[in-house]
Protein backbone atom coordinates (compact mmCIF):
# COMPACT_ATOMS: atom_id res chain seq x y z
CA MET A 1 93.36 73.43 80.96
CA GLN A 2 91.56 76.14 82.47
CA VAL A 3 89.23 78.11 80.33
CA PRO A 4 89.31 81.38 80.87
CA PRO A 5 85.66 83.07 81.97
CA THR A 6 83.42 84.63 78.93
CA GLY A 7 84.39 88.23 78.18
CA TYR A 8 87.99 87.87 79.64
CA VAL A 9 90.53 89.54 77.50
CA LEU A 10 93.94 89.17 78.12
CA PRO A 11 95.77 92.08 78.82
CA SER A 12 98.87 91.85 76.20
CA SER A 13 95.37 91.87 73.49
CA ALA A 14 93.40 94.90 75.32
CA TYR A 15 96.72 96.65 74.78
CA ARG A 16 97.18 96.12 71.24
CA MET A 17 93.28 97.05 70.47
CA PHE A 18 94.43 100.52 72.07
CA ARG A 19 97.65 101.37 70.28
CA PHE A 20 97.45 99.87 67.08
CA GLY A 21 93.62 99.80 66.38
CA GLU A 22 92.94 95.72 66.34
CA ILE A 23 89.08 94.94 66.65
CA MET A 24 88.76 92.83 69.93
CA LYS A 25 86.22 89.69 69.07
CA HIS A 26 84.83 89.24 72.84
CA ARG A 27 81.51 90.91 71.88
CA GLU A 28 79.81 90.14 69.17
CA PRO A 29 77.13 93.49 68.05
CA LYS A 30 73.53 93.09 66.89
CA ALA A 31 73.18 92.62 63.27
CA MET A 32 73.35 95.96 61.11
CA SER A 33 72.64 96.42 58.32
CA VAL A 34 74.79 99.71 58.05
CA GLY A 35 78.65 99.22 57.42
CA GLY A 36 81.36 99.08 55.29
CA SER A 37 82.46 97.83 52.02
CA ASP A 38 84.03 94.47 53.72
CA GLY A 39 80.90 93.62 55.55
CA ARG A 40 82.71 95.39 59.11
CA THR A 41 80.63 97.45 61.04
CA THR A 42 82.32 101.58 60.36
CA LEU A 43 82.73 103.64 63.28
CA ALA A 44 80.26 105.59 62.13
CA ALA A 45 77.82 103.15 61.98
CA MET A 46 78.06 102.43 65.80
CA THR A 47 75.94 104.04 68.36
CA ASP A 48 76.23 105.17 72.09
CA GLY A 49 74.13 101.80 73.41
CA ARG A 50 75.74 98.93 75.16
CA ASP A 51 73.97 96.12 73.24
CA SER A 52 74.32 97.78 69.73
CA ALA A 53 78.03 99.17 69.81
CA PRO A 54 80.89 96.76 69.42
CA SER A 55 83.74 97.26 71.68
CA ALA A 56 86.09 98.09 69.00
CA CYS A 57 88.51 100.87 68.10
CA SER A 58 89.09 101.83 64.31
CA ALA A 59 92.28 103.57 64.65
CA ALA A 60 95.46 103.69 66.92
CA PHE A 61 96.02 106.87 69.26
CA THR A 62 99.80 108.56 68.67
CA LEU A 63 100.10 109.73 72.23
CA SER A 64 102.72 111.97 73.74
CA PRO A 65 105.17 110.67 76.73
CA ARG A 66 103.36 113.03 79.13
CA GLU A 67 99.69 111.37 77.76
CA GLU A 68 101.71 107.83 78.04
CA SER A 69 102.18 108.47 82.05
CA VAL A 70 98.59 109.37 82.84
CA ILE A 71 96.13 107.69 80.28
CA GLY A 72 98.01 104.82 78.89
CA HIS A 73 96.77 101.53 79.83
CA GLU A 74 99.04 99.92 81.99
CA VAL A 75 98.76 103.27 84.09
CA LEU A 76 94.99 103.38 84.26
CA TYR A 77 95.00 99.37 85.16
CA ALA A 78 97.48 100.32 88.04
CA ALA A 79 95.09 103.18 89.37
CA THR A 80 91.99 101.20 89.36
CA MET A 81 93.86 98.72 91.01
CA LYS A 82 95.06 101.45 93.64
CA CYS A 83 91.20 102.84 93.91
CA ARG A 84 90.02 99.31 94.49
CA LYS A 85 91.49 99.25 97.78
CA ASN A 86 89.31 99.55 100.78
CA VAL A 87 86.18 99.78 98.68
CA GLY A 88 86.20 96.56 97.05
CA TRP A 89 83.13 95.48 98.84
CA LYS A 90 81.03 98.57 97.00
CA TRP A 91 78.70 96.71 94.25
CA SER A 92 79.65 99.48 91.66
CA VAL A 93 83.62 98.97 92.10
CA GLN A 94 82.85 95.01 92.11
CA ASN A 95 80.66 95.80 88.82
CA TYR A 96 83.57 97.91 87.09
CA THR A 97 86.87 95.52 88.34
CA ALA A 98 85.40 92.40 87.08
CA HIS A 99 85.99 93.33 83.76
CA ALA A 100 88.56 95.76 84.30
CA ILE A 101 90.65 95.18 81.37
CA GLU A 102 87.88 95.87 79.07
CA ASN A 103 86.35 99.22 81.38
CA VAL A 104 90.28 100.34 81.04
CA VAL A 105 90.91 100.04 77.18
CA LYS A 106 87.64 102.07 76.84
CA LEU A 107 88.68 104.45 79.38
CA ALA A 108 91.59 104.81 77.76
CA ARG A 109 90.19 104.94 74.21
CA ASP A 110 87.70 107.94 75.30
CA LEU A 111 90.17 109.97 76.73
CA ALA A 112 92.82 109.63 73.51
CA SER A 113 90.09 110.41 71.53
CA GLY A 114 88.77 113.37 73.34
CA ARG A 115 85.28 111.80 73.57
CA TYR A 116 85.78 111.36 77.61
CA LYS A 117 82.92 112.76 79.77
CA GLU A 118 82.59 112.63 83.41
CA GLY A 119 79.86 110.46 84.67
CA ARG A 120 76.90 111.79 87.59
CA THR A 121 78.01 113.03 90.88
CA HIS A 122 76.02 113.07 94.34
CA ALA A 123 76.64 114.65 97.34
CA VAL A 124 77.37 113.41 100.61
CA HIS A 125 76.96 114.60 103.90
CA ILE A 126 79.75 114.52 106.64
CA THR A 127 79.17 114.79 110.31
CA TYR A 128 82.38 114.15 111.92
CA PRO A 129 84.46 115.97 112.69
CA LYS A 130 82.12 118.82 111.70
CA LYS A 131 79.14 119.26 109.37
CA ARG A 132 80.21 119.63 105.62
CA GLU A 133 79.22 118.35 102.24
CA ALA A 134 81.33 116.19 100.28
CA LEU A 135 81.52 114.89 96.76
CA ALA A 136 80.93 111.27 95.46
CA ILE A 137 81.75 110.72 92.00
CA SER A 138 81.73 107.24 89.65
CA PHE A 139 84.35 104.84 90.19
CA ARG A 140 85.14 105.07 86.30
CA ASP A 141 86.20 108.95 87.13
CA ARG A 142 88.02 108.09 90.24
CA THR A 143 90.22 105.97 88.26
CA TYR A 144 91.05 108.57 85.40
CA GLN A 145 91.49 111.12 88.67
CA ARG A 146 93.48 108.87 90.19
CA SER A 147 96.05 108.11 87.49
CA LEU A 148 96.39 111.87 86.16
CA ASN A 149 96.78 112.95 90.32
CA ASP A 150 99.60 110.78 90.68
CA ASN A 151 101.68 110.26 87.93
CA ALA A 152 101.24 114.54 86.49
CA LEU A 153 100.02 116.61 89.08
CA TYR A 154 101.59 115.55 92.71
CA PRO A 155 104.87 115.77 91.25
CA GLN A 156 104.59 118.77 89.39
CA MET A 157 102.52 121.02 92.45
CA THR A 158 104.39 119.65 95.10
CA HIS A 159 108.13 120.26 93.92
CA GLY A 160 109.14 123.58 95.49
CA PHE A 161 107.10 123.26 98.85
CA ILE A 162 108.73 123.79 101.96
CA TRP A 163 109.17 120.88 104.37
CA SER A 164 106.67 122.27 106.94
CA ASN A 165 103.87 121.70 104.45
CA LEU A 166 102.80 118.52 106.32
CA ALA A 167 99.37 117.50 105.05
CA CYS A 168 98.87 115.15 101.93
CA GLN A 169 102.11 114.17 100.82
CA LYS A 170 103.93 111.03 100.61
CA GLY A 171 106.47 110.50 103.91
CA LYS A 172 104.13 113.22 105.70
CA GLY A 173 101.12 113.21 107.54
CA THR A 174 99.24 113.28 111.01
CA THR A 175 101.72 111.73 112.98
CA ALA A 176 104.41 113.20 110.84
CA ALA A 177 102.94 116.75 112.12
CA ARG A 178 102.75 116.35 115.78
CA THR A 179 106.68 114.79 115.84
CA ALA A 180 107.24 117.87 114.26
CA PHE A 181 105.49 120.14 116.52
CA ARG A 182 107.34 118.51 119.08
CA ALA A 183 110.34 118.90 117.79
CA MET A 184 109.91 122.52 117.29
CA LEU A 185 108.72 123.10 120.69
CA ARG A 186 111.97 121.53 122.13
CA ARG A 187 114.01 123.18 119.99
CA ALA A 188 112.17 126.93 121.08
CA PHE A 189 112.86 125.81 124.82
CA LEU A 190 116.45 125.19 123.98
CA LYS A 191 116.52 128.36 121.93
CA TYR A 192 114.76 130.63 124.52
CA GLY A 193 116.07 128.57 128.04
CA THR A 194 112.05 128.78 129.15
CA ASN A 195 108.91 127.30 128.40
CA LYS A 196 107.15 130.88 128.25
CA PHE A 197 107.75 131.41 124.66
CA GLN A 198 104.41 132.38 122.61
CA ILE A 199 102.56 129.85 119.88
CA LEU A 200 101.01 131.42 117.19
CA SER A 201 98.08 128.76 116.45
CA GLY A 202 96.37 129.90 113.22
CA ASP A 203 93.03 128.68 111.52
CA ILE A 204 91.78 129.70 108.23
CA LYS A 205 88.34 129.82 108.03
CA GLY A 206 85.89 128.61 105.62
CA TYR A 207 89.25 127.16 103.63
CA TYR A 208 88.23 125.27 100.63
CA ASP A 209 84.60 127.53 100.36
CA ASN A 210 86.80 130.46 99.92
CA MET A 211 89.65 129.22 97.40
CA ARG A 212 89.19 131.26 94.58
CA HIS A 213 88.81 129.51 91.11
CA ASP A 214 91.06 132.59 89.26
CA VAL A 215 94.36 131.73 91.97
CA THR A 216 93.88 127.93 91.69
CA LYS A 217 93.84 127.94 88.08
CA GLY A 218 97.02 129.86 87.85
CA LEU A 219 98.99 127.83 90.20
CA ILE A 220 98.24 124.79 88.21
CA GLU A 221 99.17 126.44 85.19
CA LYS A 222 102.64 128.13 86.32
CA ARG A 223 103.74 124.65 88.11
CA CYS A 224 102.45 122.27 85.71
CA ASP A 225 102.97 121.59 82.03
CA ALA A 226 100.40 122.72 79.24
CA TRP A 227 98.88 118.94 79.07
CA THR A 228 98.41 118.22 82.23
CA ALA A 229 96.85 121.89 83.84
CA LYS A 230 94.51 121.68 81.00
CA ALA A 231 93.54 118.36 81.96
CA ALA A 232 93.56 118.83 85.81
CA ILE A 233 91.93 122.49 85.61
CA ASP A 234 89.06 120.87 83.56
CA THR A 235 88.78 118.50 85.79
CA LEU A 236 88.08 121.01 88.66
CA GLU A 237 85.81 123.12 87.16
CA ARG A 238 83.22 120.52 85.46
CA GLN A 239 83.06 118.84 88.93
CA TYR A 240 84.27 120.09 92.10
CA ARG A 241 84.09 124.01 91.77
CA PHE A 242 81.01 126.13 93.40
CA ARG A 243 78.82 128.63 91.41
CA GLY A 244 80.37 132.01 91.73
CA ASP A 245 84.41 132.68 91.12
CA LYS A 246 84.97 130.72 95.03
CA GLY A 247 84.91 127.22 96.61
CA TYR A 248 85.29 123.76 95.46
CA ASN A 249 83.66 120.72 97.28
CA PRO A 250 85.86 118.14 98.85
CA GLY A 251 86.37 114.69 98.00
CA SER A 252 89.04 114.11 95.77
CA GLN A 253 92.98 113.75 96.10
CA MET A 254 92.71 116.41 93.50
CA VAL A 255 90.91 118.88 95.49
CA GLN A 256 93.53 118.01 98.32
CA ILE A 257 96.63 118.55 96.09
CA ALA A 258 94.94 122.13 95.02
CA GLY A 259 94.40 123.22 99.06
CA ILE A 260 98.29 122.34 99.83
CA SER A 261 98.87 124.05 97.24
CA TYR A 262 97.14 127.32 97.51
CA LEU A 263 98.72 127.94 100.37
CA ASP A 264 102.52 127.41 99.44
CA PRO A 265 102.98 131.52 98.38
CA PHE A 266 101.73 132.02 101.86
CA ASP A 267 104.36 129.59 103.49
CA HIS A 268 107.15 131.12 101.31
CA PHE A 269 106.04 134.89 102.53
CA THR A 270 106.10 133.41 106.36
CA LYS A 271 109.67 131.78 106.06
CA GLU A 272 111.53 134.13 104.04
CA VAL A 273 109.78 137.57 104.57
CA LEU A 274 108.57 136.96 108.24
CA ARG A 275 111.57 134.77 108.73
CA ARG A 276 109.64 132.85 110.84
CA LYS A 277 112.25 129.65 111.24
CA LEU A 278 109.85 127.71 114.00
CA TYR A 279 106.67 127.67 111.38
CA LEU A 280 104.82 124.48 110.40
CA ARG A 281 101.56 124.28 108.19
CA TYR A 282 98.93 121.34 107.96
CA MET A 283 96.32 122.11 105.70
CA ASP A 284 94.81 125.19 107.39
CA ASP A 285 96.24 124.77 110.37
CA THR A 286 99.65 127.26 110.88
CA LYS A 287 101.85 127.21 114.07
CA THR A 288 104.51 129.44 114.58
CA ILE A 289 106.68 130.15 117.59
CA GLY A 290 108.12 133.80 118.90
CA ALA A 291 109.97 134.78 122.11
CA PRO A 292 108.24 135.42 125.09
CA ASP A 293 108.95 139.19 124.94
CA GLU A 294 107.38 139.50 121.42
CA ASP A 295 104.54 141.13 119.85
CA MET A 296 103.04 138.21 118.03
CA GLU A 297 99.58 140.39 117.21
CA VAL A 298 101.90 142.05 114.99
CA VAL A 299 102.84 138.94 113.11
CA ARG A 300 99.07 137.95 113.19
CA ALA A 301 98.57 141.06 111.26
CA LYS A 302 100.79 140.79 108.65
CA MET A 303 99.92 137.07 108.01
CA ASP A 304 96.10 137.94 107.77
CA GLY A 305 96.93 140.44 105.15
CA GLU A 306 98.96 138.23 103.22
CA LEU A 307 95.88 135.62 103.00
CA ALA A 308 93.75 138.57 101.95
CA LYS A 309 95.16 138.68 98.63
CA VAL A 310 94.13 135.40 97.90
CA GLY A 311 90.79 135.62 99.46
CA LEU A 312 91.17 134.21 103.00
CA TRP A 313 91.36 135.27 106.35
CA LEU A 314 92.44 133.56 109.94
CA HIS A 315 89.27 132.67 111.87
CA PRO A 316 88.88 135.52 114.81
CA GLU A 317 87.91 132.73 117.56
CA LYS A 318 90.25 129.66 116.40
CA THR A 319 93.22 131.93 115.80
CA LYS A 320 95.12 132.11 119.48
CA ILE A 321 98.18 133.38 121.02
CA ALA A 322 99.41 131.32 124.15
CA THR A 323 102.24 130.34 125.70
CA ALA A 324 103.74 126.71 126.16
CA ASP A 325 103.10 126.16 129.41
CA ARG A 326 99.56 126.41 128.98
CA GLY A 327 99.63 124.75 126.05
CA ALA A 328 98.41 124.76 122.33
CA ALA A 329 96.01 122.32 120.58
CA PHE A 330 97.06 120.41 117.24
CA LEU A 331 95.68 117.67 115.64
CA GLY A 332 93.82 116.09 117.84
CA PHE A 333 96.00 116.42 120.85
CA VAL A 334 97.39 119.48 123.77
CA PHE A 335 100.61 120.38 123.21
CA LYS A 336 102.36 121.67 126.89
CA VAL A 337 106.00 122.53 127.79
CA ASP A 338 106.82 122.11 131.64
CA ALA A 339 109.87 123.53 133.55
CA LYS A 340 112.19 121.36 132.36
CA GLY A 341 111.47 121.33 129.26
CA LYS A 342 109.96 118.21 128.50
CA VAL A 343 106.92 118.47 125.47
CA LEU A 344 103.98 116.62 126.81
CA MET A 345 101.23 115.54 124.45
CA PHE A 346 97.98 114.73 125.70
CA ARG A 347 94.66 113.68 123.75
CA ASP A 348 91.96 116.51 123.46
CA PRO A 349 89.43 116.15 126.07
CA LYS A 350 86.74 117.23 123.53
CA LYS A 351 88.05 114.42 120.89
CA VAL A 352 87.42 112.00 123.67
CA ARG A 353 84.25 112.74 124.57
CA GLU A 354 83.44 112.36 121.02
CA ILE A 355 85.01 109.06 120.78
CA ARG A 356 82.84 107.84 123.64
CA ARG A 357 80.09 108.77 122.47
CA ARG A 358 80.41 107.67 119.10
CA PHE A 359 81.05 104.45 120.77
CA ARG A 360 78.32 104.20 122.55
CA ARG A 361 76.40 104.60 119.20
CA MET A 362 77.72 101.88 117.55
CA ALA A 363 77.22 99.79 120.78
CA ASN A 364 73.41 100.60 120.25
CA LYS A 365 73.79 99.48 116.24
CA ILE A 366 75.38 96.44 117.09
CA LYS A 367 72.16 95.51 119.67
CA ARG A 368 69.71 96.65 117.11
CA GLY A 369 71.79 94.10 114.60
CA GLU A 370 72.60 96.95 112.37
CA ILE A 371 76.72 96.42 112.04
CA PRO A 372 78.90 93.86 112.87
CA ALA A 373 80.00 93.26 116.37
CA THR A 374 83.71 93.34 115.17
CA ALA A 375 83.20 96.66 113.88
CA LEU A 376 83.61 97.89 117.36
CA ASP A 377 86.80 96.21 117.86
CA GLU A 378 88.29 97.19 114.76
CA SER A 379 87.58 100.94 114.97
CA TYR A 380 88.86 101.13 119.26
CA GLN A 381 92.48 99.10 118.17
CA CYS A 382 92.67 102.54 115.51
CA VAL A 383 91.29 105.06 118.35
CA ARG A 384 94.04 103.33 121.16
CA ALA A 385 96.65 103.28 118.32
CA CYS A 386 96.45 106.94 118.24
CA MET A 387 96.07 107.81 121.72
CA GLU A 388 99.65 105.76 122.22
CA GLU A 389 101.32 108.39 120.49
CA GLY A 390 100.98 110.82 123.49
CA ASN A 391 101.62 110.63 127.15
CA SER A 392 98.29 109.22 128.05
CA ALA A 393 98.69 106.22 130.01
CA ARG A 394 96.05 107.33 132.36
CA LEU A 395 93.54 107.75 129.70
CA LEU A 396 94.49 104.30 127.93
CA ARG A 397 93.06 102.87 131.64
CA ASN A 398 90.25 104.96 131.43
CA MET A 399 89.24 103.71 127.78
CA ASP A 400 90.08 100.22 128.41
CA ASP A 401 87.70 100.27 131.16
CA PHE A 402 84.84 101.79 129.11
CA TYR A 403 85.39 99.50 125.82
CA ASN A 404 85.15 96.50 128.45
CA SER A 405 82.30 97.45 129.76
CA LEU A 406 80.65 98.03 126.38
CA LYS A 407 81.99 94.27 125.65
CA GLY A 408 80.27 93.41 128.86
CA GLU A 409 76.70 95.02 128.07
CA LEU A 410 76.66 93.58 124.35
CA ALA A 411 77.51 89.98 125.71
CA ALA A 412 75.00 90.14 128.27
């Protein structure tokens, strides 16, 4: 019979400890002179030190169905396993998941008793595809926020979204957005009978940096129940908000859900007031199609006026109006419609140049021994799979030649 390792707690025992106040006996506390009449250390005598405080729960917690669905033992453990994917090589993740049952029970106890406090955060500087600053949080906080987002915030906030809001949702994403845009271009050609129809490509300037806190708070309170709204707003306010009255640091699913929800009233305005049937949005990128003789500058001005109500505006340089035969850029590809109505999808030349430079830097790091040689292979397979979505036969041949040349240099 295999003996469980020291410190291991059965899931059933851990759950009873949390719900019914039973005491876990897998760790003995230091001898303490303060205690109850029965010889057991009372909760008041416990300190915050790891060595001196026993892992015990003095009383059971009564949870509402909503609280049980977010901070219950089972859902927090499931969130821990989700957060571990693809980051299990990190020391902090290994340290937390090595005693996952114990840590989850402690987290559930702190959340139920109101003693939960967020850990320290640190800034992460992102250089690709553009320079910006994100926020990294502890794995413990990530577990709680993942459970809150998946089980309460996401289903309530996304209820009522238009279908054309295609970011950060189940069944949607970049591939679904590109497919929807191709279908929209094809539908426009059948409607107007020419490839001279106009495409209004809108890009919002400083999206996360200019999200107003009062607007975000109002949207969450309007769509969510009281407990979920308070938990989500408290997390955003304490960890992700900028100083002042606007701005959030990216780096969390909760911030992404707040981001796609922030422009939901704008989506309904565009579809229901402006009556734009051919419209879609991916985060802060919008696409609207108009007739060949329509004045799209008027549409742009109305959309800009609606955005101003929530403190946003269209980027004056990135927002463009072009005909379908000349093409429009969207999610790393350039979409064009030929005279016969065929929708062509080419990889953006700017992205191709960036990819080549990135592979060259990776090859140099492999030569210096900083990263393994398999990193280049894995990265290229991902890039090639994305390129295969478009009409990129010639580009794929050129990229294969470039990749093989890098491999030859490394082998030499």
